Amino acid sequence: MAGLWAYFLKQARQSEALAAEQQAKQALEAAVAEGTAELR
């Protein structure tokens, strides 16, 4: 579900500017990595 959540958020931000999109992408990837480490 966390992966799906990240995917749908990424789709929602595609209309934003490139910088905001990249920033949001990095934040999501960090959140996913942290969640994955905790789950492991």
PDB file of all heavy atoms in Angstrom:
ATOM      1  N   MET A   1       0.831  -1.208   0.000  1.00  0.00           N
ATOM      2  CA  MET A   1       0.000   0.000   0.000  1.00  0.00           C
ATOM      3  C   MET A   1       0.864   1.256   0.000  1.00  0.00           C
ATOM      4  O   MET A   1       0.521   2.266  -0.652  1.00  0.00           O
ATOM      5  CB  MET A   1      -0.913  -0.003   1.229  1.00  0.00           C
ATOM      6  CG  MET A   1      -2.041  -1.042   1.157  1.00  0.00           C
ATOM      7  SD  MET A   1      -3.014  -1.087   2.674  1.00  0.00           S
ATOM      8  CE  MET A   1      -3.677   0.589   2.666  1.00  0.00           C
ATOM      9  N   ALA A   2       1.998   1.205   0.733  1.00  0.00           N
ATOM     10  CA  ALA A   2       2.887   2.371   0.739  1.00  0.00           C
ATOM     11  C   ALA A   2       3.428   2.639  -0.660  1.00  0.00           C
ATOM     12  O   ALA A   2       3.550   3.788  -1.105  1.00  0.00           O
ATOM     13  CB  ALA A   2       4.027   2.134   1.742  1.00  0.00           C
ATOM     14  N   GLY A   3       3.767   1.547  -1.367  1.00  0.00           N
ATOM     15  CA  GLY A   3       4.250   1.715  -2.737  1.00  0.00           C
ATOM     16  C   GLY A   3       3.189   2.299  -3.650  1.00  0.00           C
ATOM     17  O   GLY A   3       3.472   3.193  -4.477  1.00  0.00           O
ATOM     18  N   LEU A   4       1.963   1.773  -3.488  1.00  0.00           N
ATOM     19  CA  LEU A   4       0.873   2.308  -4.295  1.00  0.00           C
ATOM     20  C   LEU A   4       0.584   3.772  -3.958  1.00  0.00           C
ATOM     21  O   LEU A   4       0.278   4.595  -4.838  1.00  0.00           O
ATOM     22  CB  LEU A   4      -0.391   1.457  -4.083  1.00  0.00           C
ATOM     23  CG  LEU A   4      -0.339   0.030  -4.649  1.00  0.00           C
ATOM     24  CD1 LEU A   4      -1.577  -0.740  -4.229  1.00  0.00           C
ATOM     25  CD2 LEU A   4      -0.220   0.069  -6.175  1.00  0.00           C
ATOM     26  N   TRP A   5       0.654   4.053  -2.657  1.00  0.00           N
ATOM     27  CA  TRP A   5       0.437   5.447  -2.236  1.00  0.00           C
ATOM     28  C   TRP A   5       1.440   6.367  -2.917  1.00  0.00           C
ATOM     29  O   TRP A   5       1.086   7.434  -3.441  1.00  0.00           O
ATOM     30  CB  TRP A   5       0.569   5.525  -0.713  1.00  0.00           C
ATOM     31  CG  TRP A   5       0.353   6.888  -0.128  1.00  0.00           C
ATOM     32  CD1 TRP A   5       1.233   7.930  -0.129  1.00  0.00           C
ATOM     33  CD2 TRP A   5      -0.813   7.367   0.548  1.00  0.00           C
ATOM     34  NE1 TRP A   5       0.720   9.024   0.497  1.00  0.00           N
ATOM     35  CE2 TRP A   5      -0.549   8.686   0.929  1.00  0.00           C
ATOM     36  CE3 TRP A   5      -2.044   6.796   0.873  1.00  0.00           C
ATOM     37  CZ2 TRP A   5      -1.491   9.462   1.630  1.00  0.00           C
ATOM     38  CZ3 TRP A   5      -2.958   7.560   1.568  1.00  0.00           C
ATOM     39  CH2 TRP A   5      -2.679   8.882   1.935  1.00  0.00           C
ATOM     40  N   ALA A   6       2.707   5.984  -2.925  1.00  0.00           N
ATOM     41  CA  ALA A   6       3.747   6.801  -3.553  1.00  0.00           C
ATOM     42  C   ALA A   6       3.493   6.959  -5.058  1.00  0.00           C
ATOM     43  O   ALA A   6       3.694   8.038  -5.639  1.00  0.00           O
ATOM     44  CB  ALA A   6       5.117   6.166  -3.301  1.00  0.00           C
ATOM     45  N   TYR A   7       3.054   5.854  -5.687  1.00  0.00           N
ATOM     46  CA  TYR A   7       2.816   5.918  -7.126  1.00  0.00           C
ATOM     47  C   TYR A   7       1.700   6.905  -7.464  1.00  0.00           C
ATOM     48  O   TYR A   7       1.831   7.738  -8.379  1.00  0.00           O
ATOM     49  CB  TYR A   7       2.475   4.525  -7.637  1.00  0.00           C
ATOM     50  CG  TYR A   7       2.057   4.503  -9.085  1.00  0.00           C
ATOM     51  CD1 TYR A   7       3.021   4.599 -10.102  1.00  0.00           C
ATOM     52  CD2 TYR A   7       0.714   4.398  -9.439  1.00  0.00           C
ATOM     53  CE1 TYR A   7       2.635   4.588 -11.426  1.00  0.00           C
ATOM     54  CE2 TYR A   7       0.337   4.381 -10.767  1.00  0.00           C
ATOM     55  CZ  TYR A   7       1.297   4.479 -11.760  1.00  0.00           C
ATOM     56  OH  TYR A   7       0.920   4.467 -13.081  1.00  0.00           O
ATOM     57  N   PHE A   8       0.595   6.831  -6.736  1.00  0.00           N
ATOM     58  CA  PHE A   8      -0.529   7.731  -7.035  1.00  0.00           C
ATOM     59  C   PHE A   8      -0.193   9.185  -6.721  1.00  0.00           C
ATOM     60  O   PHE A   8      -0.627  10.106  -7.432  1.00  0.00           O
ATOM     61  CB  PHE A   8      -1.775   7.303  -6.259  1.00  0.00           C
ATOM     62  CG  PHE A   8      -2.401   6.038  -6.795  1.00  0.00           C
ATOM     63  CD1 PHE A   8      -2.630   4.949  -5.967  1.00  0.00           C
ATOM     64  CD2 PHE A   8      -2.753   5.940  -8.148  1.00  0.00           C
ATOM     65  CE1 PHE A   8      -3.199   3.806  -6.462  1.00  0.00           C
ATOM     66  CE2 PHE A   8      -3.327   4.787  -8.636  1.00  0.00           C
ATOM     67  CZ  PHE A   8      -3.562   3.699  -7.801  1.00  0.00           C
ATOM     68  N   LEU A   9       0.585   9.425  -5.688  1.00  0.00           N
ATOM     69  CA  LEU A   9       1.008  10.789  -5.403  1.00  0.00           C
ATOM     70  C   LEU A   9       1.905  11.327  -6.514  1.00  0.00           C
ATOM     71  O   LEU A   9       1.836  12.510  -6.894  1.00  0.00           O
ATOM     72  CB  LEU A   9       1.741  10.850  -4.063  1.00  0.00           C
ATOM     73  CG  LEU A   9       0.863  10.724  -2.799  1.00  0.00           C
ATOM     74  CD1 LEU A   9       1.750  10.761  -1.558  1.00  0.00           C
ATOM     75  CD2 LEU A   9      -0.167  11.854  -2.740  1.00  0.00           C
ATOM     76  N   LYS A  10       2.732  10.456  -7.024  1.00  0.00           N
ATOM     77  CA  LYS A  10       3.607  10.873  -8.118  1.00  0.00           C
ATOM     78  C   LYS A  10       2.788  11.272  -9.351  1.00  0.00           C
ATOM     79  O   LYS A  10       3.094  12.284 -10.018  1.00  0.00           O
ATOM     80  CB  LYS A  10       4.549   9.726  -8.469  1.00  0.00           C
ATOM     81  CG  LYS A  10       5.484  10.029  -9.620  1.00  0.00           C
ATOM     82  CD  LYS A  10       6.371   8.826  -9.916  1.00  0.00           C
ATOM     83  CE  LYS A  10       7.274   9.099 -11.109  1.00  0.00           C
ATOM     84  NZ  LYS A  10       8.124   7.932 -11.441  1.00  0.00           N
ATOM     85  N   GLN A  11       1.750  10.483  -9.647  1.00  0.00           N
ATOM     86  CA  GLN A  11       0.895  10.819 -10.772  1.00  0.00           C
ATOM     87  C   GLN A  11       0.174  12.155 -10.555  1.00  0.00           C
ATOM     88  O   GLN A  11      -0.030  12.938 -11.497  1.00  0.00           O
ATOM     89  CB  GLN A  11      -0.129   9.686 -10.978  1.00  0.00           C
ATOM     90  CG  GLN A  11       0.486   8.369 -11.422  1.00  0.00           C
ATOM     91  CD  GLN A  11       1.154   8.479 -12.778  1.00  0.00           C
ATOM     92  OE1 GLN A  11       0.649   9.133 -13.702  1.00  0.00           O
ATOM     93  NE2 GLN A  11       2.333   7.868 -12.903  1.00  0.00           N
ATOM     94  N   ALA A  12      -0.198  12.430  -9.302  1.00  0.00           N
ATOM     95  CA  ALA A  12      -0.939  13.661  -9.016  1.00  0.00           C
ATOM     96  C   ALA A  12      -0.069  14.903  -9.175  1.00  0.00           C
ATOM     97  O   ALA A  12      -0.567  16.004  -9.442  1.00  0.00           O
ATOM     98  CB  ALA A  12      -1.509  13.596  -7.611  1.00  0.00           C
ATOM     99  N   ARG A  13       1.250  14.756  -9.002  1.00  0.00           N
ATOM    100  CA  ARG A  13       2.134  15.933  -9.062  1.00  0.00           C
ATOM    101  C   ARG A  13       2.748  16.158 -10.454  1.00  0.00           C
ATOM    102  O   ARG A  13       3.613  17.029 -10.623  1.00  0.00           O
ATOM    103  CB  ARG A  13       3.274  15.752  -8.057  1.00  0.00           C
ATOM    104  CG  ARG A  13       2.795  15.817  -6.588  1.00  0.00           C
ATOM    105  CD  ARG A  13       4.016  15.821  -5.675  1.00  0.00           C
ATOM    106  NE  ARG A  13       3.639  15.977  -4.295  1.00  0.00           N
ATOM    107  CZ  ARG A  13       3.456  14.973  -3.444  1.00  0.00           C
ATOM    108  NH1 ARG A  13       3.622  13.734  -3.864  1.00  0.00           N
ATOM    109  NH2 ARG A  13       3.089  15.217  -2.204  1.00  0.00           N
ATOM    110  N   GLN A  14       2.363  15.353 -11.435  1.00  0.00           N
ATOM    111  CA  GLN A  14       2.972  15.491 -12.753  1.00  0.00           C
ATOM    112  C   GLN A  14       2.701  16.846 -13.395  1.00  0.00           C
ATOM    113  O   GLN A  14       3.456  17.288 -14.268  1.00  0.00           O
ATOM    114  CB  GLN A  14       2.472  14.368 -13.664  1.00  0.00           C
ATOM    115  CG  GLN A  14       3.099  13.011 -13.372  1.00  0.00           C
ATOM    116  CD  GLN A  14       2.635  11.931 -14.344  1.00  0.00           C
ATOM    117  OE1 GLN A  14       1.698  12.157 -15.117  1.00  0.00           O
ATOM    118  NE2 GLN A  14       3.306  10.787 -14.310  1.00  0.00           N
ATOM    119  N   SER A  15       1.589  17.488 -12.987  1.00  0.00           N
ATOM    120  CA  SER A  15       1.241  18.784 -13.582  1.00  0.00           C
ATOM    121  C   SER A  15       2.027  19.939 -12.948  1.00  0.00           C
ATOM    122  O   SER A  15       1.942  21.072 -13.416  1.00  0.00           O
ATOM    123  CB  SER A  15      -0.260  19.038 -13.429  1.00  0.00           C
ATOM    124  OG  SER A  15      -0.609  19.025 -12.047  1.00  0.00           O
ATOM    125  N   GLU A  16       2.738  19.674 -11.883  1.00  0.00           N
ATOM    126  CA  GLU A  16       3.497  20.748 -11.231  1.00  0.00           C
ATOM    127  C   GLU A  16       4.804  20.987 -11.983  1.00  0.00           C
ATOM    128  O   GLU A  16       5.207  20.207 -12.847  1.00  0.00           O
ATOM    129  CB  GLU A  16       3.765  20.373  -9.775  1.00  0.00           C
ATOM    130  CG  GLU A  16       2.500  20.249  -8.928  1.00  0.00           C
ATOM    131  CD  GLU A  16       2.822  19.937  -7.483  1.00  0.00           C
ATOM    132  OE1 GLU A  16       4.015  19.716  -7.170  1.00  0.00           O
ATOM    133  OE2 GLU A  16       1.870  19.906  -6.676  1.00  0.00           O
ATOM    134  N   ALA A  17       5.440  21.973 -11.548  1.00  0.00           N
ATOM    135  CA  ALA A  17       6.736  22.332 -12.149  1.00  0.00           C
ATOM    136  C   ALA A  17       7.745  21.214 -11.891  1.00  0.00           C
ATOM    137  O   ALA A  17       7.612  20.417 -10.962  1.00  0.00           O
ATOM    138  CB  ALA A  17       7.228  23.643 -11.544  1.00  0.00           C
ATOM    139  N   LEU A  18       8.778  21.189 -12.764  1.00  0.00           N
ATOM    140  CA  LEU A  18       9.788  20.149 -12.707  1.00  0.00           C
ATOM    141  C   LEU A  18      10.496  20.139 -11.356  1.00  0.00           C
ATOM    142  O   LEU A  18      10.731  19.075 -10.771  1.00  0.00           O
ATOM    143  CB  LEU A  18      10.802  20.351 -13.843  1.00  0.00           C
ATOM    144  CG  LEU A  18      11.919  19.297 -13.925  1.00  0.00           C
ATOM    145  CD1 LEU A  18      11.347  17.899 -14.114  1.00  0.00           C
ATOM    146  CD2 LEU A  18      12.903  19.661 -15.043  1.00  0.00           C
ATOM    147  N   ALA A  19      10.796  21.285 -10.838  1.00  0.00           N
ATOM    148  CA  ALA A  19      11.519  21.340  -9.563  1.00  0.00           C
ATOM    149  C   ALA A  19      10.679  20.788  -8.420  1.00  0.00           C
ATOM    150  O   ALA A  19      11.160  20.005  -7.575  1.00  0.00           O
ATOM    151  CB  ALA A  19      11.937  22.774  -9.271  1.00  0.00           C
ATOM    152  N   ALA A  20       9.372  21.216  -8.402  1.00  0.00           N
ATOM    153  CA  ALA A  20       8.497  20.739  -7.334  1.00  0.00           C
ATOM    154  C   ALA A  20       8.280  19.230  -7.465  1.00  0.00           C
ATOM    155  O   ALA A  20       8.223  18.497  -6.471  1.00  0.00           O
ATOM    156  CB  ALA A  20       7.174  21.476  -7.383  1.00  0.00           C
ATOM    157  N   GLU A  21       8.171  18.793  -8.740  1.00  0.00           N
ATOM    158  CA  GLU A  21       7.964  17.365  -8.955  1.00  0.00           C
ATOM    159  C   GLU A  21       9.155  16.539  -8.476  1.00  0.00           C
ATOM    160  O   GLU A  21       8.999  15.486  -7.837  1.00  0.00           O
ATOM    161  CB  GLU A  21       7.716  17.104 -10.438  1.00  0.00           C
ATOM    162  CG  GLU A  21       7.398  15.651 -10.750  1.00  0.00           C
ATOM    163  CD  GLU A  21       7.100  15.440 -12.222  1.00  0.00           C
ATOM    164  OE1 GLU A  21       7.017  16.428 -12.969  1.00  0.00           O
ATOM    165  OE2 GLU A  21       6.954  14.270 -12.619  1.00  0.00           O
ATOM    166  N   GLN A  22      10.380  17.052  -8.791  1.00  0.00           N
ATOM    167  CA  GLN A  22      11.577  16.337  -8.353  1.00  0.00           C
ATOM    168  C   GLN A  22      11.690  16.316  -6.828  1.00  0.00           C
ATOM    169  O   GLN A  22      12.076  15.313  -6.233  1.00  0.00           O
ATOM    170  CB  GLN A  22      12.814  16.997  -8.984  1.00  0.00           C
ATOM    171  CG  GLN A  22      12.909  16.808 -10.495  1.00  0.00           C
ATOM    172  CD  GLN A  22      13.085  15.330 -10.859  1.00  0.00           C
ATOM    173  OE1 GLN A  22      13.705  14.563 -10.138  1.00  0.00           O
ATOM    174  NE2 GLN A  22      12.509  14.954 -12.003  1.00  0.00           N
ATOM    175  N   GLN A  23      11.387  17.473  -6.232  1.00  0.00           N
ATOM    176  CA  GLN A  23      11.453  17.562  -4.773  1.00  0.00           C
ATOM    177  C   GLN A  23      10.472  16.575  -4.121  1.00  0.00           C
ATOM    178  O   GLN A  23      10.812  15.889  -3.144  1.00  0.00           O
ATOM    179  CB  GLN A  23      11.151  18.990  -4.327  1.00  0.00           C
ATOM    180  CG  GLN A  23      11.304  19.191  -2.828  1.00  0.00           C
ATOM    181  CD  GLN A  23      11.035  20.648  -2.426  1.00  0.00           C
ATOM    182  OE1 GLN A  23      10.710  21.494  -3.282  1.00  0.00           O
ATOM    183  NE2 GLN A  23      11.180  20.917  -1.146  1.00  0.00           N
ATOM    184  N   ALA A  24       9.239  16.564  -4.648  1.00  0.00           N
ATOM    185  CA  ALA A  24       8.242  15.644  -4.101  1.00  0.00           C
ATOM    186  C   ALA A  24       8.664  14.182  -4.310  1.00  0.00           C
ATOM    187  O   ALA A  24       8.471  13.323  -3.439  1.00  0.00           O
ATOM    188  CB  ALA A  24       6.892  15.889  -4.741  1.00  0.00           C
ATOM    189  N   LYS A  25       9.270  13.923  -5.476  1.00  0.00           N
ATOM    190  CA  LYS A  25       9.709  12.564  -5.775  1.00  0.00           C
ATOM    191  C   LYS A  25      10.769  12.098  -4.785  1.00  0.00           C
ATOM    192  O   LYS A  25      10.742  10.960  -4.273  1.00  0.00           O
ATOM    193  CB  LYS A  25      10.234  12.500  -7.200  1.00  0.00           C
ATOM    194  CG  LYS A  25      10.718  11.117  -7.617  1.00  0.00           C
ATOM    195  CD  LYS A  25      11.235  11.144  -9.046  1.00  0.00           C
ATOM    196  CE  LYS A  25      11.777   9.776  -9.439  1.00  0.00           C
ATOM    197  NZ  LYS A  25      12.306   9.785 -10.819  1.00  0.00           N
ATOM    198  N   GLN A  26      11.753  12.991  -4.492  1.00  0.00           N
ATOM    199  CA  GLN A  26      12.813  12.638  -3.550  1.00  0.00           C
ATOM    200  C   GLN A  26      12.249  12.384  -2.143  1.00  0.00           C
ATOM    201  O   GLN A  26      12.690  11.462  -1.432  1.00  0.00           O
ATOM    202  CB  GLN A  26      13.857  13.746  -3.520  1.00  0.00           C
ATOM    203  CG  GLN A  26      14.655  13.881  -4.807  1.00  0.00           C
ATOM    204  CD  GLN A  26      15.584  15.076  -4.792  1.00  0.00           C
ATOM    205  OE1 GLN A  26      15.627  15.825  -3.805  1.00  0.00           O
ATOM    206  NE2 GLN A  26      16.318  15.267  -5.885  1.00  0.00           N
ATOM    207  N   ALA A  27      11.300  13.228  -1.768  1.00  0.00           N
ATOM    208  CA  ALA A  27      10.692  13.057  -0.441  1.00  0.00           C
ATOM    209  C   ALA A  27       9.969  11.710  -0.332  1.00  0.00           C
ATOM    210  O   ALA A  27      10.061  11.011   0.685  1.00  0.00           O
ATOM    211  CB  ALA A  27       9.735  14.195  -0.154  1.00  0.00           C
ATOM    212  N   LEU A  28       9.249  11.388  -1.412  1.00  0.00           N
ATOM    213  CA  LEU A  28       8.534  10.120  -1.400  1.00  0.00           C
ATOM    214  C   LEU A  28       9.492   8.932  -1.375  1.00  0.00           C
ATOM    215  O   LEU A  28       9.279   7.941  -0.666  1.00  0.00           O
ATOM    216  CB  LEU A  28       7.622  10.031  -2.628  1.00  0.00           C
ATOM    217  CG  LEU A  28       6.333  10.852  -2.577  1.00  0.00           C
ATOM    218  CD1 LEU A  28       5.634  10.806  -3.916  1.00  0.00           C
ATOM    219  CD2 LEU A  28       5.434  10.339  -1.479  1.00  0.00           C
ATOM    220  N   GLU A  29      10.563   9.032  -2.201  1.00  0.00           N
ATOM    221  CA  GLU A  29      11.524   7.930  -2.229  1.00  0.00           C
ATOM    222  C   GLU A  29      12.183   7.738  -0.862  1.00  0.00           C
ATOM    223  O   GLU A  29      12.417   6.604  -0.406  1.00  0.00           O
ATOM    224  CB  GLU A  29      12.578   8.186  -3.295  1.00  0.00           C
ATOM    225  CG  GLU A  29      12.043   8.056  -4.717  1.00  0.00           C
ATOM    226  CD  GLU A  29      13.094   8.408  -5.754  1.00  0.00           C
ATOM    227  OE1 GLU A  29      14.155   8.938  -5.349  1.00  0.00           O
ATOM    228  OE2 GLU A  29      12.854   8.140  -6.944  1.00  0.00           O
ATOM    229  N   ALA A  30      12.483   8.874  -0.190  1.00  0.00           N
ATOM    230  CA  ALA A  30      13.063   8.777   1.151  1.00  0.00           C
ATOM    231  C   ALA A  30      12.075   8.131   2.131  1.00  0.00           C
ATOM    232  O   ALA A  30      12.458   7.301   2.982  1.00  0.00           O
ATOM    233  CB  ALA A  30      13.474  10.165   1.643  1.00  0.00           C
ATOM    234  N   ALA A  31      10.812   8.562   1.995  1.00  0.00           N
ATOM    235  CA  ALA A  31       9.803   7.986   2.896  1.00  0.00           C
ATOM    236  C   ALA A  31       9.648   6.486   2.666  1.00  0.00           C
ATOM    237  O   ALA A  31       9.524   5.697   3.610  1.00  0.00           O
ATOM    238  CB  ALA A  31       8.470   8.696   2.704  1.00  0.00           C
ATOM    239  N   VAL A  32       9.646   6.090   1.369  1.00  0.00           N
ATOM    240  CA  VAL A  32       9.524   4.667   1.052  1.00  0.00           C
ATOM    241  C   VAL A  32      10.718   3.875   1.581  1.00  0.00           C
ATOM    242  O   VAL A  32      10.585   2.784   2.149  1.00  0.00           O
ATOM    243  CB  VAL A  32       9.364   4.473  -0.464  1.00  0.00           C
ATOM    244  CG1 VAL A  32       9.447   2.993  -0.826  1.00  0.00           C
ATOM    245  CG2 VAL A  32       8.038   5.051  -0.932  1.00  0.00           C
ATOM    246  N   ALA A  33      11.936   4.429   1.396  1.00  0.00           N
ATOM    247  CA  ALA A  33      13.142   3.735   1.865  1.00  0.00           C
ATOM    248  C   ALA A  33      13.118   3.563   3.383  1.00  0.00           C
ATOM    249  O   ALA A  33      13.472   2.504   3.925  1.00  0.00           O
ATOM    250  CB  ALA A  33      14.387   4.517   1.444  1.00  0.00           C
ATOM    251  N   GLU A  34      12.702   4.638   4.084  1.00  0.00           N
ATOM    252  CA  GLU A  34      12.651   4.564   5.549  1.00  0.00           C
ATOM    253  C   GLU A  34      11.612   3.526   6.007  1.00  0.00           C
ATOM    254  O   GLU A  34      11.869   2.738   6.927  1.00  0.00           O
ATOM    255  CB  GLU A  34      12.304   5.942   6.124  1.00  0.00           C
ATOM    256  CG  GLU A  34      12.287   5.971   7.653  1.00  0.00           C
ATOM    257  CD  GLU A  34      11.966   7.350   8.181  1.00  0.00           C
ATOM    258  OE1 GLU A  34      11.852   8.289   7.364  1.00  0.00           O
ATOM    259  OE2 GLU A  34      11.839   7.496   9.406  1.00  0.00           O
ATOM    260  N   GLY A  35      10.455   3.569   5.324  1.00  0.00           N
ATOM    261  CA  GLY A  35       9.417   2.598   5.695  1.00  0.00           C
ATOM    262  C   GLY A  35       9.855   1.161   5.422  1.00  0.00           C
ATOM    263  O   GLY A  35       9.595   0.246   6.206  1.00  0.00           O
ATOM    264  N   THR A  36      10.565   0.977   4.267  1.00  0.00           N
ATOM    265  CA  THR A  36      11.044  -0.365   3.929  1.00  0.00           C
ATOM    266  C   THR A  36      12.050  -0.875   4.952  1.00  0.00           C
ATOM    267  O   THR A  36      12.028  -2.040   5.358  1.00  0.00           O
ATOM    268  CB  THR A  36      11.681  -0.343   2.528  1.00  0.00           C
ATOM    269  OG1 THR A  36      10.713   0.116   1.573  1.00  0.00           O
ATOM    270  CG2 THR A  36      12.161  -1.731   2.134  1.00  0.00           C
ATOM    271  N   ALA A  37      12.964   0.019   5.389  1.00  0.00           N
ATOM    272  CA  ALA A  37      13.970  -0.379   6.380  1.00  0.00           C
ATOM    273  C   ALA A  37      13.305  -0.785   7.697  1.00  0.00           C
ATOM    274  O   ALA A  37      13.696  -1.773   8.332  1.00  0.00           O
ATOM    275  CB  ALA A  37      14.953   0.774   6.610  1.00  0.00           C
ATOM    276  N   GLU A  38      12.302  -0.021   8.117  1.00  0.00           N
ATOM    277  CA  GLU A  38      11.610  -0.344   9.366  1.00  0.00           C
ATOM    278  C   GLU A  38      10.874  -1.675   9.250  1.00  0.00           C
ATOM    279  O   GLU A  38      10.866  -2.479  10.188  1.00  0.00           O
ATOM    280  CB  GLU A  38      10.642   0.781   9.723  1.00  0.00           C
ATOM    281  CG  GLU A  38      11.326   2.094  10.119  1.00  0.00           C
ATOM    282  CD  GLU A  38      10.322   3.198  10.384  1.00  0.00           C
ATOM    283  OE1 GLU A  38       9.118   2.943  10.168  1.00  0.00           O
ATOM    284  OE2 GLU A  38      10.738   4.294  10.817  1.00  0.00           O
ATOM    285  N   LEU A  39      10.238  -1.875   8.078  1.00  0.00           N
ATOM    286  CA  LEU A  39       9.520  -3.126   7.886  1.00  0.00           C
ATOM    287  C   LEU A  39      10.467  -4.323   7.883  1.00  0.00           C
ATOM    288  O   LEU A  39      10.181  -5.378   8.442  1.00  0.00           O
ATOM    289  CB  LEU A  39       8.728  -3.081   6.584  1.00  0.00           C
ATOM    290  CG  LEU A  39       7.504  -2.152   6.591  1.00  0.00           C
ATOM    291  CD1 LEU A  39       6.925  -2.053   5.203  1.00  0.00           C
ATOM    292  CD2 LEU A  39       6.466  -2.667   7.569  1.00  0.00           C
ATOM    293  N   ARG A  40      11.633  -4.143   7.225  1.00  0.00           N
ATOM    294  CA  ARG A  40      12.624  -5.224   7.206  1.00  0.00           C
ATOM    295  C   ARG A  40      13.136  -5.516   8.612  1.00  0.00           C
ATOM    296  O   ARG A  40      13.345  -6.681   8.999  1.00  0.00           O
ATOM    297  CB  ARG A  40      13.788  -4.856   6.297  1.00  0.00           C
ATOM    298  CG  ARG A  40      13.428  -4.914   4.812  1.00  0.00           C
ATOM    299  CD  ARG A  40      14.582  -4.448   3.953  1.00  0.00           C
ATOM    300  NE  ARG A  40      14.253  -4.559   2.528  1.00  0.00           N
ATOM    301  CZ  ARG A  40      15.020  -4.093   1.554  1.00  0.00           C
ATOM    302  NH1 ARG A  40      16.163  -3.454   1.855  1.00  0.00           N
ATOM    303  NH2 ARG A  40      14.672  -4.247   0.296  1.00  0.00           N
TER     304      ARG A  40
END
